[in-house]
C-alpha atoms as a PDB file:
ATOM      1  CA  MET A   1       6.861  16.932 -11.683  1.00  0.00           C
ATOM      2  CA  GLU A   2       8.471  16.539  -8.262  1.00  0.00           C
ATOM      3  CA  ILE A   3       7.230  13.588  -6.228  1.00  0.00           C
ATOM      4  CA  THR A   4       7.382  13.947  -2.449  1.00  0.00           C
ATOM      5  CA  TYR A   5       6.869  11.254   0.165  1.00  0.00           C
ATOM      6  CA  LYS A   6       5.182  11.670   3.529  1.00  0.00           C
ATOM      7  CA  SER A   7       4.511   9.600   6.605  1.00  0.00           C
ATOM      8  CA  ILE A   8       1.057  10.842   7.587  1.00  0.00           C
ATOM      9  CA  HIS A   9      -2.242   9.289   8.611  1.00  0.00           C
ATOM     10  CA  ASP A  10      -4.702  12.082   7.798  1.00  0.00           C
ATOM     11  CA  PHE A  11      -6.279  12.160   4.359  1.00  0.00           C
ATOM     12  CA  SER A  12      -9.490  13.561   2.966  1.00  0.00           C
ATOM     13  CA  GLU A  13     -12.217  11.270   1.694  1.00  0.00           C
ATOM     14  CA  GLU A  14     -11.738  12.730  -1.784  1.00  0.00           C
ATOM     15  CA  GLU A  15      -7.984  12.049  -1.839  1.00  0.00           C
ATOM     16  CA  LEU A  16      -8.440   8.408  -0.882  1.00  0.00           C
ATOM     17  CA  ARG A  17     -11.494   7.849  -3.071  1.00  0.00           C
ATOM     18  CA  ASP A  18      -9.711   9.243  -6.133  1.00  0.00           C
ATOM     19  CA  LEU A  19      -6.572   7.165  -5.555  1.00  0.00           C
ATOM     20  CA  PHE A  20      -8.351   3.881  -4.813  1.00  0.00           C
ATOM     21  CA  LEU A  21     -10.793   4.239  -7.694  1.00  0.00           C
ATOM     22  CA  SER A  22      -7.927   5.135 -10.062  1.00  0.00           C
ATOM     23  CA  VAL A  23      -6.789   1.503  -9.699  1.00  0.00           C
ATOM     24  CA  LYS A  24     -10.386   0.229  -9.701  1.00  0.00           C
ATOM     25  CA  TRP A  25     -10.325  -1.007  -6.095  1.00  0.00           C
ATOM     26  CA  SER A  26     -13.824  -1.298  -4.697  1.00  0.00           C
ATOM     27  CA  SER A  27     -12.719  -0.002  -1.300  1.00  0.00           C
ATOM     28  CA  GLY A  28     -12.639   3.420  -2.975  1.00  0.00           C
ATOM     29  CA  HIS A  29     -16.435   3.355  -2.750  1.00  0.00           C
ATOM     30  CA  TYR A  30     -16.068   3.593   1.047  1.00  0.00           C
ATOM     31  CA  PRO A  31     -13.890   6.701   1.478  1.00  0.00           C
ATOM     32  CA  GLU A  32     -15.130   7.421   4.995  1.00  0.00           C
ATOM     33  CA  LYS A  33     -13.957   3.950   6.052  1.00  0.00           C
ATOM     34  CA  LEU A  34     -10.604   4.493   4.320  1.00  0.00           C
ATOM     35  CA  VAL A  35     -10.092   7.764   6.231  1.00  0.00           C
ATOM     36  CA  ALA A  36     -10.684   5.940   9.526  1.00  0.00           C
ATOM     37  CA  ALA A  37      -8.527   2.970   8.472  1.00  0.00           C
ATOM     38  CA  MET A  38      -5.516   5.148   7.618  1.00  0.00           C
ATOM     39  CA  LYS A  39      -5.610   6.625  11.121  1.00  0.00           C
ATOM     40  CA  ASN A  40      -5.446   3.111  12.582  1.00  0.00           C
ATOM     41  CA  TYR A  41      -2.527   1.730  10.567  1.00  0.00           C
ATOM     42  CA  GLU A  42       0.835   1.644  12.306  1.00  0.00           C
ATOM     43  CA  THR A  43       2.561   2.724   9.094  1.00  0.00           C
ATOM     44  CA  VAL A  44       1.336   4.827   6.195  1.00  0.00           C
ATOM     45  CA  TYR A  45       3.616   6.230   3.513  1.00  0.00           C
ATOM     46  CA  SER A  46       2.167   8.373   0.756  1.00  0.00           C
ATOM     47  CA  ALA A  47       3.432   9.818  -2.510  1.00  0.00           C
ATOM     48  CA  TRP A  48       2.363  13.250  -3.710  1.00  0.00           C
ATOM     49  CA  ASP A  49       2.595  15.269  -6.899  1.00  0.00           C
ATOM     50  CA  GLY A  50       2.104  18.722  -5.432  1.00  0.00           C
ATOM     51  CA  ASP A  51      -1.106  18.437  -3.424  1.00  0.00           C
ATOM     52  CA  ARG A  52      -2.344  15.357  -5.335  1.00  0.00           C
ATOM     53  CA  LEU A  53      -2.172  11.984  -3.582  1.00  0.00           C
ATOM     54  CA  ILE A  54      -0.747   9.587  -6.181  1.00  0.00           C
ATOM     55  CA  GLY A  55       0.471   6.608  -4.171  1.00  0.00           C
ATOM     56  CA  LEU A  56       0.089   4.939  -0.804  1.00  0.00           C
ATOM     57  CA  LEU A  57       1.426   2.048   1.253  1.00  0.00           C
ATOM     58  CA  SER A  58      -0.090   1.014   4.571  1.00  0.00           C
ATOM     59  CA  ALA A  59       1.116  -1.666   6.958  1.00  0.00           C
ATOM     60  CA  LEU A  60       0.190  -3.305  10.249  1.00  0.00           C
ATOM     61  CA  ASP A  61       2.688  -4.872  12.625  1.00  0.00           C
ATOM     62  CA  ASP A  62       3.047  -6.600  15.971  1.00  0.00           C
ATOM     63  CA  GLY A  63       5.793  -4.247  17.099  1.00  0.00           C
ATOM     64  CA  VAL A  64       8.687  -6.671  16.900  1.00  0.00           C
ATOM     65  CA  MET A  65       8.430  -9.713  14.592  1.00  0.00           C
ATOM     66  CA  THR A  66       5.928  -9.452  11.748  1.00  0.00           C
ATOM     67  CA  ALA A  67       4.690  -6.640   9.526  1.00  0.00           C
ATOM     68  CA  TYR A  68       1.867  -7.011   7.035  1.00  0.00           C
ATOM     69  CA  VAL A  69       1.681  -4.670   4.041  1.00  0.00           C
ATOM     70  CA  HIS A  70      -2.003  -4.250   3.376  1.00  0.00           C
ATOM     71  CA  TYR A  71      -2.252  -1.579   0.690  1.00  0.00           C
ATOM     72  CA  LEU A  72       0.183  -0.564  -2.001  1.00  0.00           C
ATOM     73  CA  LEU A  73      -1.288   1.406  -4.839  1.00  0.00           C
ATOM     74  CA  VAL A  74      -0.089   4.002  -7.324  1.00  0.00           C
ATOM     75  CA  ASN A  75      -2.340   5.979  -9.632  1.00  0.00           C
ATOM     76  CA  PRO A  76      -1.930   4.479 -13.144  1.00  0.00           C
ATOM     77  CA  GLU A  77      -0.878   7.892 -14.516  1.00  0.00           C
ATOM     78  CA  TYR A  78       2.221   7.621 -12.301  1.00  0.00           C
ATOM     79  CA  GLN A  79       3.036   3.922 -12.535  1.00  0.00           C
ATOM     80  CA  ARG A  80       6.415   2.752 -13.828  1.00  0.00           C
ATOM     81  CA  LEU A  81       8.169   5.817 -12.386  1.00  0.00           C
ATOM     82  CA  GLY A  82       9.611   4.054  -9.336  1.00  0.00           C
ATOM     83  CA  ILE A  83       6.978   5.362  -6.923  1.00  0.00           C
ATOM     84  CA  GLY A  84       5.752   1.934  -5.802  1.00  0.00           C
ATOM     85  CA  LYS A  85       9.324   0.725  -5.325  1.00  0.00           C
ATOM     86  CA  ARG A  86      10.150   3.796  -3.243  1.00  0.00           C
ATOM     87  CA  LEU A  87       7.110   3.209  -1.018  1.00  0.00           C
ATOM     88  CA  VAL A  88       8.190  -0.419  -0.545  1.00  0.00           C
ATOM     89  CA  GLU A  89      11.756   0.718   0.251  1.00  0.00           C
ATOM     90  CA  LEU A  90      10.422   3.012   2.975  1.00  0.00           C
ATOM     91  CA  ALA A  91       8.500   0.122   4.536  1.00  0.00           C
ATOM     92  CA  LYS A  92      11.438  -2.280   4.227  1.00  0.00           C
ATOM     93  CA  GLU A  93      13.680   0.235   5.970  1.00  0.00           C
ATOM     94  CA  LYS A  94      11.221   0.721   8.817  1.00  0.00           C
ATOM     95  CA  TYR A  95      10.784  -3.024   9.287  1.00  0.00           C
ATOM     96  CA  LYS A  96      14.388  -4.087   8.574  1.00  0.00           C
ATOM     97  CA  ASP A  97      14.793  -5.685  12.017  1.00  0.00           C
ATOM     98  CA  TYR A  98      11.543  -7.657  11.822  1.00  0.00           C
ATOM     99  CA  LEU A  99      11.621 -11.374  11.053  1.00  0.00           C
ATOM    100  CA  LYS A 100       8.899 -11.210   8.365  1.00  0.00           C
ATOM    101  CA  ILE A 101       7.245  -8.714   6.081  1.00  0.00           C
ATOM    102  CA  ILE A 102       4.169 -10.280   4.510  1.00  0.00           C
ATOM    103  CA  LEU A 103       1.807  -9.181   1.748  1.00  0.00           C
ATOM    104  CA  VAL A 104      -0.823 -10.645  -0.512  1.00  0.00           C
ATOM    105  CA  SER A 105      -0.517  -9.865  -4.213  1.00  0.00           C
ATOM    106  CA  TYR A 106      -2.806 -10.213  -7.173  1.00  0.00           C
ATOM    107  CA  ASP A 107      -1.226 -12.492  -9.793  1.00  0.00           C
ATOM    108  CA  GLU A 108      -0.322  -9.546 -12.042  1.00  0.00           C
ATOM    109  CA  GLY A 109       1.635  -7.898  -9.203  1.00  0.00           C
ATOM    110  CA  VAL A 110       3.876 -10.868  -8.340  1.00  0.00           C
ATOM    111  CA  GLY A 111       6.684  -9.797 -10.694  1.00  0.00           C
ATOM    112  CA  PHE A 112       6.743  -6.303  -9.212  1.00  0.00           C
ATOM    113  CA  TYR A 113       6.993  -7.611  -5.653  1.00  0.00           C
ATOM    114  CA  GLN A 114       9.690 -10.085  -6.654  1.00  0.00           C
ATOM    115  CA  SER A 115      11.668  -7.164  -8.108  1.00  0.00           C
ATOM    116  CA  CYS A 116      11.366  -5.559  -4.646  1.00  0.00           C
ATOM    117  CA  GLY A 117      12.888  -8.632  -2.976  1.00  0.00           C
ATOM    118  CA  PHE A 118       9.763 -10.554  -1.960  1.00  0.00           C
ATOM    119  CA  LYS A 119       9.479 -14.288  -2.664  1.00  0.00           C
ATOM    120  CA  LYS A 120       6.354 -16.153  -3.619  1.00  0.00           C
ATOM    121  CA  GLY A 121       5.422 -18.587  -0.862  1.00  0.00           C
ATOM    122  CA  GLU A 122       5.476 -22.243  -1.864  1.00  0.00           C
ATOM    123  CA  GLY A 123       2.345 -24.134  -0.911  1.00  0.00           C
ATOM    124  CA  GLU A 124       0.790 -20.985   0.570  1.00  0.00           C
ATOM    125  CA  CYS A 125      -2.547 -19.591  -0.422  1.00  0.00           C
ATOM    126  CA  PRO A 126      -4.146 -16.301   0.624  1.00  0.00           C
ATOM    127  CA  MET A 127      -7.523 -16.746   2.270  1.00  0.00           C
ATOM    128  CA  LEU A 128     -10.270 -14.114   2.191  1.00  0.00           C
ATOM    129  CA  LEU A 129     -13.573 -13.452   3.875  1.00  0.00           C
ATOM    130  CA  THR A 130     -14.821 -10.290   2.233  1.00  0.00           C
ATOM    131  CA  SER A 131     -17.738  -8.427   0.762  1.00  0.00           C
ATOM    132  CA  LEU A 132     -15.511  -6.346  -1.560  1.00  0.00           C
ATOM    133  CA  TRP A 133     -15.372  -7.301  -5.221  1.00  0.00           C
ATOM    134  CA  THR A 134     -11.716  -6.328  -5.854  1.00  0.00           C
END
């Protein structure tokens, strides 16, 4: 297995559906929207095993001060191999001169993000207005 990393914005519906549903994210049920969304993100890094999409990080930014990591997911078959950390490293390198890189984590992901250098905000709470169930 040789994992390669790409900075691309074009994915098939099937590639995105399979990856998002592998981690049980409901947005995988809207692959056509995911295809459009990836084209609109400022930053998208992806991890591949051959021609199989196995990981993805997407981020938005204001061009100078703040970047927001929206998606970071790795197919469970490939977790704990350093793929997520490598995707985060790519984003941190791109945004190294920004004042803030922000993300929202599920409780079970906090330890991972802390191991990547993120700190849990004190007195901060993510707010959502969504129709997705995950």
